[in-house]
Amino acid sequence: MKNRIAALRAERSWTQADLAQRIGVSRQSINAIETGKFDPSLPVAFRLAKLFSLTIEEIFDDD
């Protein structure tokens, strides 16, 4: 699944570790989500959306 997480994170000058800590997952999980190797669980997707003040659909694209 394509997503905008890397760009959103970069806009805030956060590392993968910074983002991981903010939503309670590992840095490896953030890397896997950003590269499309892993789709986040619904609770993680909601935490990302809330953190970035966006909807899930604005972050993820199932194209």
N, C-alpha and C. Protein backbone atom coordinates (compact mmCIF):
# COMPACT_ATOMS: atom_id res chain seq x y z
N MET A 1 0.83 -1.17 0.00
CA MET A 1 0.00 0.00 0.00
C MET A 1 0.88 1.24 0.00
N LYS A 2 0.62 2.14 -0.93
CA LYS A 2 1.39 3.38 -0.99
C LYS A 2 0.97 4.30 0.15
N ASN A 3 1.92 5.12 0.61
CA ASN A 3 1.60 6.07 1.68
C ASN A 3 2.52 7.28 1.61
N ARG A 4 2.14 8.30 2.37
CA ARG A 4 2.88 9.56 2.40
C ARG A 4 3.66 9.73 3.70
N ILE A 5 3.86 8.68 4.44
CA ILE A 5 4.45 8.81 5.77
C ILE A 5 5.86 9.41 5.72
N ALA A 6 6.70 8.95 4.81
CA ALA A 6 8.07 9.49 4.74
C ALA A 6 8.05 10.98 4.48
N ALA A 7 7.20 11.44 3.58
CA ALA A 7 7.12 12.87 3.27
C ALA A 7 6.58 13.66 4.46
N LEU A 8 5.55 13.14 5.10
CA LEU A 8 4.96 13.82 6.26
C LEU A 8 5.98 13.90 7.40
N ARG A 9 6.71 12.84 7.57
CA ARG A 9 7.74 12.79 8.61
C ARG A 9 8.85 13.79 8.30
N ALA A 10 9.27 13.84 7.04
CA ALA A 10 10.34 14.75 6.63
C ALA A 10 9.94 16.22 6.80
N GLU A 11 8.66 16.52 6.54
CA GLU A 11 8.18 17.89 6.72
C GLU A 11 8.38 18.38 8.16
N ARG A 12 8.37 17.43 9.08
CA ARG A 12 8.51 17.77 10.50
C ARG A 12 9.92 17.54 11.02
N SER A 13 10.82 17.14 10.14
CA SER A 13 12.21 16.83 10.49
C SER A 13 12.31 15.74 11.56
N TRP A 14 11.41 14.75 11.48
CA TRP A 14 11.43 13.62 12.40
C TRP A 14 12.17 12.46 11.76
N THR A 15 12.91 11.73 12.57
CA THR A 15 13.51 10.48 12.10
C THR A 15 12.45 9.39 12.19
N GLN A 16 12.77 8.25 11.62
CA GLN A 16 11.86 7.10 11.77
C GLN A 16 11.71 6.76 13.25
N ALA A 17 12.79 6.86 14.00
CA ALA A 17 12.74 6.56 15.44
C ALA A 17 11.85 7.55 16.17
N ASP A 18 11.91 8.84 15.80
CA ASP A 18 11.05 9.85 16.40
C ASP A 18 9.57 9.50 16.19
N LEU A 19 9.22 9.19 14.96
CA LEU A 19 7.84 8.85 14.64
C LEU A 19 7.41 7.58 15.37
N ALA A 20 8.28 6.59 15.36
CA ALA A 20 7.97 5.33 16.04
C ALA A 20 7.66 5.56 17.51
N GLN A 21 8.46 6.36 18.16
CA GLN A 21 8.25 6.64 19.58
C GLN A 21 6.92 7.36 19.80
N ARG A 22 6.57 8.28 18.92
CA ARG A 22 5.34 9.05 19.06
C ARG A 22 4.09 8.20 18.94
N ILE A 23 4.16 7.11 18.18
CA ILE A 23 2.96 6.28 18.01
C ILE A 23 3.09 4.89 18.66
N GLY A 24 4.21 4.64 19.31
CA GLY A 24 4.35 3.42 20.08
C GLY A 24 4.64 2.16 19.29
N VAL A 25 5.44 2.29 18.24
CA VAL A 25 5.88 1.11 17.48
C VAL A 25 7.39 1.17 17.34
N SER A 26 7.98 0.15 16.73
CA SER A 26 9.43 0.14 16.53
C SER A 26 9.82 0.95 15.29
N ARG A 27 11.07 1.36 15.24
CA ARG A 27 11.58 2.05 14.06
C ARG A 27 11.51 1.13 12.84
N GLN A 28 11.74 -0.15 13.07
CA GLN A 28 11.67 -1.11 11.97
C GLN A 28 10.26 -1.18 11.38
N SER A 29 9.25 -1.04 12.24
CA SER A 29 7.87 -1.04 11.76
C SER A 29 7.61 0.18 10.88
N ILE A 30 8.11 1.34 11.28
CA ILE A 30 7.95 2.54 10.47
C ILE A 30 8.62 2.35 9.13
N ASN A 31 9.83 1.82 9.12
CA ASN A 31 10.53 1.57 7.87
C ASN A 31 9.74 0.63 6.97
N ALA A 32 9.21 -0.43 7.53
CA ALA A 32 8.45 -1.41 6.74
C ALA A 32 7.16 -0.80 6.19
N ILE A 33 6.49 0.05 6.97
CA ILE A 33 5.28 0.71 6.50
C ILE A 33 5.62 1.70 5.38
N GLU A 34 6.65 2.50 5.60
CA GLU A 34 7.04 3.50 4.59
C GLU A 34 7.41 2.86 3.26
N THR A 35 8.06 1.72 3.29
CA THR A 35 8.52 1.07 2.06
C THR A 35 7.46 0.14 1.46
N GLY A 36 6.31 0.04 2.11
CA GLY A 36 5.23 -0.79 1.59
C GLY A 36 5.39 -2.27 1.82
N LYS A 37 6.35 -2.66 2.66
CA LYS A 37 6.56 -4.07 2.96
C LYS A 37 5.56 -4.59 3.98
N PHE A 38 4.91 -3.66 4.68
CA PHE A 38 4.01 -4.02 5.76
C PHE A 38 2.90 -2.99 5.81
N ASP A 39 1.65 -3.47 5.91
CA ASP A 39 0.52 -2.57 6.08
C ASP A 39 0.24 -2.45 7.57
N PRO A 40 0.04 -1.24 8.07
CA PRO A 40 -0.17 -1.07 9.51
C PRO A 40 -1.52 -1.62 9.95
N SER A 41 -1.59 -1.97 11.21
CA SER A 41 -2.88 -2.36 11.77
C SER A 41 -3.77 -1.13 11.80
N LEU A 42 -5.06 -1.33 11.95
CA LEU A 42 -5.98 -0.21 12.00
C LEU A 42 -5.68 0.74 13.16
N PRO A 43 -5.39 0.23 14.38
CA PRO A 43 -5.04 1.16 15.45
C PRO A 43 -3.80 2.01 15.14
N VAL A 44 -2.80 1.44 14.50
CA VAL A 44 -1.60 2.20 14.13
C VAL A 44 -1.95 3.23 13.06
N ALA A 45 -2.76 2.85 12.10
CA ALA A 45 -3.18 3.80 11.06
C ALA A 45 -3.93 4.97 11.69
N PHE A 46 -4.80 4.70 12.65
CA PHE A 46 -5.53 5.77 13.33
C PHE A 46 -4.58 6.68 14.12
N ARG A 47 -3.58 6.09 14.78
CA ARG A 47 -2.61 6.91 15.53
C ARG A 47 -1.82 7.81 14.59
N LEU A 48 -1.43 7.27 13.43
CA LEU A 48 -0.72 8.09 12.44
C LEU A 48 -1.61 9.23 11.95
N ALA A 49 -2.85 8.93 11.64
CA ALA A 49 -3.77 9.96 11.15
C ALA A 49 -3.96 11.05 12.20
N LYS A 50 -4.14 10.65 13.43
CA LYS A 50 -4.33 11.63 14.50
C LYS A 50 -3.07 12.48 14.68
N LEU A 51 -1.91 11.86 14.67
CA LEU A 51 -0.66 12.58 14.86
C LEU A 51 -0.45 13.62 13.76
N PHE A 52 -0.75 13.25 12.51
CA PHE A 52 -0.54 14.15 11.39
C PHE A 52 -1.76 15.04 11.11
N SER A 53 -2.83 14.89 11.89
CA SER A 53 -4.08 15.66 11.70
C SER A 53 -4.63 15.49 10.29
N LEU A 54 -4.61 14.25 9.82
CA LEU A 54 -5.13 13.90 8.51
C LEU A 54 -6.05 12.70 8.64
N THR A 55 -6.81 12.41 7.59
CA THR A 55 -7.59 11.18 7.59
C THR A 55 -6.67 10.03 7.12
N ILE A 56 -7.08 8.83 7.41
CA ILE A 56 -6.32 7.66 6.96
C ILE A 56 -6.20 7.68 5.43
N GLU A 57 -7.29 8.07 4.76
CA GLU A 57 -7.29 8.11 3.30
C GLU A 57 -6.31 9.15 2.74
N GLU A 58 -6.03 10.19 3.50
CA GLU A 58 -5.07 11.19 3.05
C GLU A 58 -3.63 10.72 3.20
N ILE A 59 -3.42 9.70 4.02
CA ILE A 59 -2.07 9.16 4.23
C ILE A 59 -1.81 7.94 3.38
N PHE A 60 -2.81 7.06 3.27
CA PHE A 60 -2.64 5.78 2.57
C PHE A 60 -3.46 5.73 1.29
N ASP A 61 -2.88 5.09 0.28
CA ASP A 61 -3.55 4.90 -1.01
C ASP A 61 -3.43 3.43 -1.38
N ASP A 62 -4.57 2.77 -1.57
CA ASP A 62 -4.53 1.34 -1.87
C ASP A 62 -4.36 1.05 -3.36
N ASP A 63 -3.89 2.02 -4.10
CA ASP A 63 -3.69 1.90 -5.54
C ASP A 63 -2.72 0.82 -5.89
